[in-house]
Amino acid sequence: MAQAIDALRHGWPLQMIGGPVLLPVETAITAKADSAQMLISSARAATLKLINQREAAAPHAPVLIHGAELFTLAAARPIADPALDLASPLKGPFRAETIDWPDEAEAALELARLAGILPAFLVDPKHAGEAQPVAACDLAQWSDPAKLTIATRAHLPIAACENAEIVAFRSVDDTREHVALVIGTQTSDRAPLVRLHSECLTGDVLGSLKCDCGPQLDAALAAMAQEARGGGWGVLLYMRQEGRGIGLVNKLRAYRLQDQGFDTVDANQRLGLPDEARDFGTAARILELLGVREIRLMTNNLRKVVALEDAGVRVTQRVQHQLPANPHNARYLDTKRHRSGHLLD
């Protein structure tokens, strides 16, 4: 799986075992490839009105489209990239076709997400080059949280609390390295205050006003520090899943679409990507490795509560965690409430 993800980032084709050769449209390094078919997600197909023959059940489901003319990479890129929607009118007609290799198609879209590229492929193209073999069943094994282990830990005094320890986690297959910050002294008689925080470069580091990630991170650390002063403790889980799991580049592509008037959900769907692709099972595994079975969870997202409890973590209390809006993120916060199920309090 790691080799397959690396191949997609380098623009090399994949040989889906039990399916076709798939060439990533965004990163392909060959200029000669062409194909009669493309694989895209149903959300992107719906945006382009390419699935009038049938509607897919889920936005991230795969759709196989056939063109009246061969798809060259130059013709395929406007289908894949919403930034080219207005600049490059589509050259149809197109029709949706039955996929005889559905497991391989779903795995390919997931691999594209993990690689941080647009989910669009030429199918069995000519002149694609040597392909990297990969099986759809490899995906479940690769993403197994049980493979996560503690890599190292160290004392890390921070501005919010000098009594803190950072713990790094690593999987043999995954290049993403998650960390947990234990605030105060870990005890077994009190459930810790826990914040599951997904990496956000723009908000956490650059101070972006488009989201509330940075203020949420600061407020969580402050609340845990106060908890530690009262004899309790807290755990910040810092998960390397930028952009709700779609990656930094695709998140910034979504920002560009938001500048055109789309909300966060619609922007992700125009990219052909899910609006929620985070892996909460890995967070549960981190808590298990820390010996934490019960938590008080700081969140307004019920999906986190359900996902952690389904993974065996007992959430004894949901602690409200909401920061005031600013003129730049008010619509973003409204979308989280109205379309993503976040609570007001």
Protein backbone atom coordinates (compact mmCIF):
# COMPACT_ATOMS: atom_id res chain seq x y z
CA MET A 1 0.00 0.00 0.00
CA ALA A 2 2.80 2.41 0.82
CA GLN A 3 4.35 1.69 -2.57
CA ALA A 4 0.99 2.23 -4.28
CA ILE A 5 0.49 5.59 -2.56
CA ASP A 6 4.03 6.59 -3.50
CA ALA A 7 3.36 5.52 -7.10
CA LEU A 8 0.29 7.77 -7.30
CA ARG A 9 2.18 10.76 -5.94
CA HIS A 10 4.88 10.15 -8.58
CA GLY A 11 2.32 9.76 -11.37
CA TRP A 12 2.89 6.07 -12.00
CA PRO A 13 0.04 3.69 -12.89
CA LEU A 14 -1.42 1.04 -10.61
CA GLN A 15 -2.22 -2.50 -11.65
CA MET A 16 -5.31 -3.33 -9.63
CA ILE A 17 -5.14 -7.08 -9.07
CA GLY A 18 -8.48 -8.38 -10.31
CA GLY A 19 -9.11 -5.13 -12.16
CA PRO A 20 -7.57 -2.79 -14.75
CA VAL A 21 -4.49 -0.60 -14.89
CA LEU A 22 -5.32 2.85 -13.53
CA LEU A 23 -3.30 5.98 -14.31
CA PRO A 24 -3.76 9.00 -11.97
CA VAL A 25 -4.91 11.96 -14.04
CA GLU A 26 -3.48 14.69 -11.82
CA THR A 27 0.09 13.45 -11.47
CA ALA A 28 0.65 11.28 -14.57
CA ILE A 29 4.15 11.84 -15.92
CA THR A 30 3.51 10.46 -19.40
CA ALA A 31 2.01 12.74 -22.03
CA LYS A 32 1.01 10.01 -24.48
CA ALA A 33 -1.52 8.07 -22.44
CA ASP A 34 -5.13 7.91 -23.56
CA SER A 35 -8.17 5.78 -22.79
CA ALA A 36 -11.83 5.36 -23.69
CA GLN A 37 -12.80 5.30 -19.98
CA MET A 38 -12.25 7.30 -16.81
CA LEU A 39 -12.87 6.41 -13.17
CA ILE A 40 -14.09 9.29 -10.98
CA SER A 41 -16.22 9.64 -7.84
CA SER A 42 -19.97 10.04 -8.06
CA ALA A 43 -19.82 13.43 -6.33
CA ARG A 44 -17.59 14.77 -9.08
CA ALA A 45 -19.69 13.06 -11.74
CA ALA A 46 -22.85 14.64 -10.35
CA THR A 47 -21.19 18.07 -10.35
CA LEU A 48 -20.38 17.61 -14.02
CA LYS A 49 -23.83 16.10 -14.74
CA LEU A 50 -22.17 12.95 -16.09
CA ILE A 51 -24.35 10.37 -14.34
CA ASN A 52 -27.77 11.16 -15.78
CA GLN A 53 -28.20 7.42 -16.55
CA ARG A 54 -28.13 6.54 -12.85
CA GLU A 55 -27.41 8.17 -9.49
CA ALA A 56 -24.74 6.60 -7.29
CA ALA A 57 -25.71 5.80 -3.72
CA ALA A 58 -22.83 7.62 -2.02
CA PRO A 59 -20.87 10.75 -2.97
CA HIS A 60 -17.54 8.94 -2.82
CA ALA A 61 -18.72 5.87 -4.74
CA PRO A 62 -16.82 5.16 -7.97
CA VAL A 63 -18.30 5.99 -11.37
CA LEU A 64 -16.94 4.69 -14.66
CA ILE A 65 -17.55 7.02 -17.57
CA HIS A 66 -17.07 6.43 -21.29
CA GLY A 67 -16.40 9.24 -23.73
CA ALA A 68 -17.32 9.65 -27.38
CA GLU A 69 -13.65 10.39 -27.97
CA LEU A 70 -10.56 9.04 -26.25
CA PHE A 71 -9.63 10.70 -22.99
CA THR A 72 -6.17 12.18 -23.34
CA LEU A 73 -4.60 13.58 -20.18
CA ALA A 74 -5.30 17.09 -21.47
CA ALA A 75 -8.98 16.21 -21.89
CA ALA A 76 -9.16 14.29 -18.61
CA ARG A 77 -7.72 16.97 -16.33
CA PRO A 78 -10.73 19.36 -16.60
CA ILE A 79 -12.96 16.43 -15.64
CA ALA A 80 -10.81 15.79 -12.57
CA ASP A 81 -10.07 19.36 -11.45
CA PRO A 82 -12.89 21.81 -10.61
CA ALA A 83 -10.45 24.71 -10.99
CA LEU A 84 -10.77 24.08 -14.74
CA ASP A 85 -14.56 23.86 -14.83
CA LEU A 86 -15.08 27.24 -16.49
CA ALA A 87 -11.84 27.45 -18.46
CA SER A 88 -12.27 24.11 -20.24
CA PRO A 89 -15.79 23.18 -21.39
CA LEU A 90 -16.35 19.42 -21.38
CA LYS A 91 -16.24 17.55 -24.66
CA GLY A 92 -19.06 15.03 -24.33
CA PRO A 93 -21.24 13.17 -24.66
CA PHE A 94 -20.38 10.83 -21.79
CA ARG A 95 -22.18 7.84 -20.38
CA ALA A 96 -21.88 5.96 -17.11
CA GLU A 97 -21.05 2.26 -17.40
CA THR A 98 -21.27 -0.73 -15.09
CA ILE A 99 -18.12 -1.39 -13.07
CA ASP A 100 -17.19 -5.08 -13.11
CA TRP A 101 -14.46 -4.54 -10.49
CA PRO A 102 -16.21 -2.49 -7.75
CA ASP A 103 -13.84 -3.39 -4.90
CA GLU A 104 -10.81 -2.34 -6.94
CA ALA A 105 -12.57 0.89 -8.00
CA GLU A 106 -13.39 1.83 -4.40
CA ALA A 107 -9.84 1.03 -3.30
CA ALA A 108 -8.43 3.24 -6.06
CA LEU A 109 -10.47 6.25 -4.93
CA GLU A 110 -9.37 5.68 -1.35
CA LEU A 111 -5.74 5.40 -2.43
CA ALA A 112 -6.05 8.72 -4.26
CA ARG A 113 -7.37 10.34 -1.07
CA LEU A 114 -4.53 8.89 0.98
CA ALA A 115 -2.04 10.14 -1.61
CA GLY A 116 -3.59 13.61 -1.46
CA ILE A 117 -4.41 13.74 -5.18
CA LEU A 118 -7.63 14.20 -7.12
CA PRO A 119 -9.65 10.95 -7.39
CA ALA A 120 -9.60 10.48 -11.16
CA PHE A 121 -7.95 7.80 -13.28
CA LEU A 122 -7.60 6.77 -16.90
CA VAL A 123 -8.67 3.13 -17.17
CA ASP A 124 -6.41 0.68 -19.02
CA PRO A 125 -4.70 3.51 -20.91
CA LYS A 126 -2.24 2.99 -23.70
CA HIS A 127 1.35 4.12 -23.09
CA ALA A 128 0.88 4.24 -19.32
CA GLY A 129 4.24 2.71 -18.44
CA GLU A 130 5.11 0.03 -15.89
CA ALA A 131 2.40 -0.37 -13.25
CA GLN A 132 2.68 -0.95 -9.51
CA PRO A 133 0.56 -3.99 -8.50
CA VAL A 134 -1.83 -3.60 -5.59
CA ALA A 135 -4.80 -5.61 -4.29
CA ALA A 136 -7.98 -4.04 -2.92
CA CYS A 137 -7.80 -6.29 0.14
CA ASP A 138 -4.44 -4.74 1.06
CA LEU A 139 -6.23 -1.52 2.04
CA ALA A 140 -7.96 -2.94 5.13
CA GLN A 141 -4.73 -4.49 6.36
CA TRP A 142 -2.76 -1.28 5.79
CA SER A 143 -5.21 0.89 7.74
CA ASP A 144 -5.52 -1.52 10.69
CA PRO A 145 -5.15 0.61 13.88
CA ALA A 146 -3.74 -2.41 15.68
CA LYS A 147 -0.45 -1.88 13.84
CA LEU A 148 0.07 1.43 15.63
CA THR A 149 2.69 1.38 18.38
CA ILE A 150 4.40 3.88 20.69
CA ALA A 151 7.63 5.03 19.03
CA THR A 152 8.97 7.27 21.80
CA ARG A 153 7.94 9.65 24.57
CA ALA A 154 9.52 12.61 26.34
CA HIS A 155 8.83 15.39 28.84
CA LEU A 156 7.66 18.51 26.99
CA PRO A 157 6.89 21.63 29.00
CA ILE A 158 4.50 23.85 27.04
CA ALA A 159 3.17 27.36 27.58
CA ALA A 160 -0.14 26.08 28.94
CA CYS A 161 1.41 23.61 31.40
CA GLU A 162 5.00 22.75 32.24
CA ASN A 163 3.99 19.28 33.44
CA ALA A 164 3.38 17.68 30.06
CA GLU A 165 4.62 14.63 28.18
CA ILE A 166 4.56 14.07 24.42
CA VAL A 167 4.10 10.55 23.07
CA ALA A 168 4.73 9.69 19.41
CA PHE A 169 2.98 6.85 17.59
CA ARG A 170 4.00 5.08 14.40
CA SER A 171 2.70 2.30 12.18
CA VAL A 172 5.00 0.11 10.11
CA ASP A 173 2.96 0.84 6.96
CA ASP A 174 1.87 4.46 7.40
CA THR A 175 4.19 7.45 7.09
CA ARG A 176 1.90 9.65 9.22
CA GLU A 177 3.15 10.00 12.79
CA HIS A 178 0.45 10.93 15.32
CA VAL A 179 1.22 12.35 18.75
CA ALA A 180 -0.51 12.62 22.11
CA LEU A 181 0.21 15.33 24.65
CA VAL A 182 -0.48 14.20 28.23
CA ILE A 183 -1.17 17.25 30.40
CA GLY A 184 -0.65 16.79 34.14
CA THR A 185 0.01 13.52 35.92
CA GLN A 186 -1.73 10.48 34.48
CA THR A 187 -3.84 8.66 37.05
CA SER A 188 -6.18 5.69 36.84
CA ASP A 189 -8.84 7.01 39.23
CA ARG A 190 -9.97 9.98 37.13
CA ALA A 191 -11.12 9.99 33.51
CA PRO A 192 -8.97 12.48 31.59
CA LEU A 193 -10.26 15.46 29.67
CA VAL A 194 -9.56 14.52 26.03
CA ARG A 195 -9.51 16.52 22.82
CA LEU A 196 -9.27 14.70 19.48
CA HIS A 197 -7.69 17.37 17.27
CA SER A 198 -6.94 16.87 13.59
CA GLU A 199 -3.89 18.59 12.15
CA CYS A 200 -4.60 21.98 10.54
CA LEU A 201 -1.51 23.76 9.26
CA THR A 202 -3.39 26.90 8.29
CA GLY A 203 -5.26 27.24 11.58
CA ASP A 204 -2.84 25.75 14.12
CA VAL A 205 0.36 27.31 12.77
CA LEU A 206 -0.53 30.22 10.48
CA GLY A 207 -3.45 31.61 12.46
CA SER A 208 -6.04 31.24 9.71
CA LEU A 209 -9.40 32.89 10.39
CA LYS A 210 -11.24 30.63 7.90
CA CYS A 211 -11.68 27.89 10.53
CA ASP A 212 -11.76 27.60 14.31
CA CYS A 213 -9.00 24.98 14.60
CA GLY A 214 -6.31 27.18 16.14
CA PRO A 215 -8.54 28.69 18.85
CA GLN A 216 -9.97 25.23 19.59
CA LEU A 217 -6.47 23.83 20.06
CA ASP A 218 -5.42 26.67 22.38
CA ALA A 219 -8.64 26.47 24.37
CA ALA A 220 -8.31 22.70 24.78
CA LEU A 221 -4.77 23.00 26.12
CA ALA A 222 -5.85 25.76 28.51
CA ALA A 223 -8.75 23.66 29.79
CA MET A 224 -6.48 20.65 30.33
CA ALA A 225 -3.94 22.79 32.15
CA GLN A 226 -6.69 24.03 34.46
CA GLU A 227 -7.76 20.43 34.97
CA ALA A 228 -4.20 19.49 35.92
CA ARG A 229 -4.03 22.32 38.46
CA GLY A 230 -7.09 20.81 40.12
CA GLY A 231 -5.53 17.37 40.40
CA GLY A 232 -6.88 15.96 37.17
CA TRP A 233 -5.24 15.47 33.80
CA GLY A 234 -5.87 15.66 30.08
CA VAL A 235 -4.83 14.17 26.76
CA LEU A 236 -4.60 16.02 23.47
CA LEU A 237 -4.62 13.64 20.51
CA TYR A 238 -2.99 15.41 17.57
CA MET A 239 -3.96 13.38 14.50
CA ARG A 240 -2.16 13.75 11.19
CA GLN A 241 -5.26 13.94 9.01
CA GLU A 242 -5.22 17.38 7.45
CA GLY A 243 -8.37 18.75 5.90
CA ARG A 244 -10.68 16.19 7.54
CA GLY A 245 -8.63 13.50 5.86
CA ILE A 246 -8.30 14.84 2.30
CA GLY A 247 -4.80 16.31 2.70
CA LEU A 248 -3.34 19.80 2.66
CA VAL A 249 -3.31 20.42 -1.10
CA ASN A 250 -6.89 19.26 -1.57
CA LYS A 251 -7.96 21.31 1.45
CA LEU A 252 -6.48 24.41 -0.17
CA ARG A 253 -8.28 23.49 -3.40
CA ALA A 254 -11.48 23.42 -1.37
CA TYR A 255 -10.60 26.86 0.03
CA ARG A 256 -10.36 28.15 -3.52
CA LEU A 257 -13.83 26.82 -4.27
CA GLN A 258 -15.11 28.40 -1.05
CA ASP A 259 -13.82 31.72 -2.38
CA GLN A 260 -16.19 31.15 -5.31
CA GLY A 261 -19.17 30.78 -2.94
CA PHE A 262 -19.34 27.05 -2.17
CA ASP A 263 -19.58 25.88 1.41
CA THR A 264 -17.15 23.30 2.82
CA VAL A 265 -19.33 20.28 2.01
CA ASP A 266 -20.08 21.33 -1.56
CA ALA A 267 -16.45 22.30 -2.17
CA ASN A 268 -15.23 18.84 -1.18
CA GLN A 269 -17.86 17.19 -3.35
CA ARG A 270 -16.91 19.28 -6.37
CA LEU A 271 -13.41 17.89 -5.88
CA GLY A 272 -14.89 14.39 -5.82
CA LEU A 273 -13.80 13.94 -2.21
CA PRO A 274 -15.71 13.10 1.00
CA ASP A 275 -16.48 15.94 3.40
CA GLU A 276 -15.49 13.66 6.32
CA ALA A 277 -12.70 11.10 5.88
CA ARG A 278 -10.98 11.12 9.25
CA ASP A 279 -9.94 7.91 10.97
CA PHE A 280 -11.24 7.97 14.54
CA GLY A 281 -10.34 4.32 15.09
CA THR A 282 -6.67 5.28 15.22
CA ALA A 283 -7.47 7.77 17.99
CA ALA A 284 -9.07 4.95 19.96
CA ARG A 285 -5.95 2.85 19.47
CA ILE A 286 -3.77 5.69 20.81
CA LEU A 287 -5.91 5.88 23.95
CA GLU A 288 -5.61 2.11 24.34
CA LEU A 289 -1.82 2.31 24.11
CA LEU A 290 -1.88 5.02 26.78
CA GLY A 291 -3.98 2.77 29.01
CA VAL A 292 -7.01 5.07 28.83
CA ARG A 293 -10.43 3.34 28.86
CA GLU A 294 -12.74 6.16 29.98
CA ILE A 295 -12.63 9.79 28.88
CA ARG A 296 -14.45 13.10 29.05
CA LEU A 297 -14.42 14.24 25.44
CA MET A 298 -14.22 17.89 24.40
CA THR A 299 -16.26 18.06 21.20
CA ASN A 300 -19.43 19.29 19.51
CA ASN A 301 -19.16 16.49 16.91
CA LEU A 302 -21.29 13.49 17.83
CA ARG A 303 -19.50 11.40 15.19
CA LYS A 304 -16.41 11.43 17.39
CA VAL A 305 -18.38 10.24 20.41
CA VAL A 306 -20.01 7.39 18.48
CA ALA A 307 -16.79 6.35 16.72
CA LEU A 308 -14.76 6.20 19.92
CA GLU A 309 -17.45 4.31 21.79
CA ASP A 310 -17.80 1.86 18.90
CA ALA A 311 -14.04 1.29 19.17
CA GLY A 312 -14.30 0.45 22.86
CA VAL A 313 -13.61 3.83 24.53
CA ARG A 314 -16.19 4.81 27.14
CA VAL A 315 -17.13 8.50 26.85
CA THR A 316 -18.45 9.37 30.30
CA GLN A 317 -19.11 13.02 29.41
CA ARG A 318 -19.24 15.18 26.31
CA VAL A 319 -17.74 18.55 27.17
CA GLN A 320 -18.95 21.45 25.03
CA HIS A 321 -16.12 22.96 22.98
CA GLN A 322 -17.12 25.90 20.84
CA LEU A 323 -15.39 29.21 20.18
CA PRO A 324 -16.96 32.48 19.01
CA ALA A 325 -17.23 33.02 15.26
CA ASN A 326 -15.41 35.71 13.34
CA PRO A 327 -16.46 37.34 10.03
CA HIS A 328 -14.28 34.89 8.08
CA ASN A 329 -15.47 31.60 9.57
CA ALA A 330 -19.12 32.26 10.44
CA ARG A 331 -20.38 30.42 7.34
CA TYR A 332 -17.97 27.56 7.98
CA LEU A 333 -19.33 27.12 11.52
CA ASP A 334 -22.91 27.32 10.25
CA THR A 335 -22.14 24.57 7.74
CA LYS A 336 -20.70 22.35 10.47
CA ARG A 337 -23.93 22.74 12.43
CA HIS A 338 -26.48 22.52 9.62
CA ARG A 339 -24.82 20.00 7.27
CA SER A 340 -22.32 18.07 9.41
CA GLY A 341 -24.41 17.55 12.53
CA HIS A 342 -22.30 19.56 15.01
CA LEU A 343 -24.09 20.62 18.17
CA LEU A 344 -24.59 24.18 19.37
CA ASP A 345 -23.79 23.38 23.01
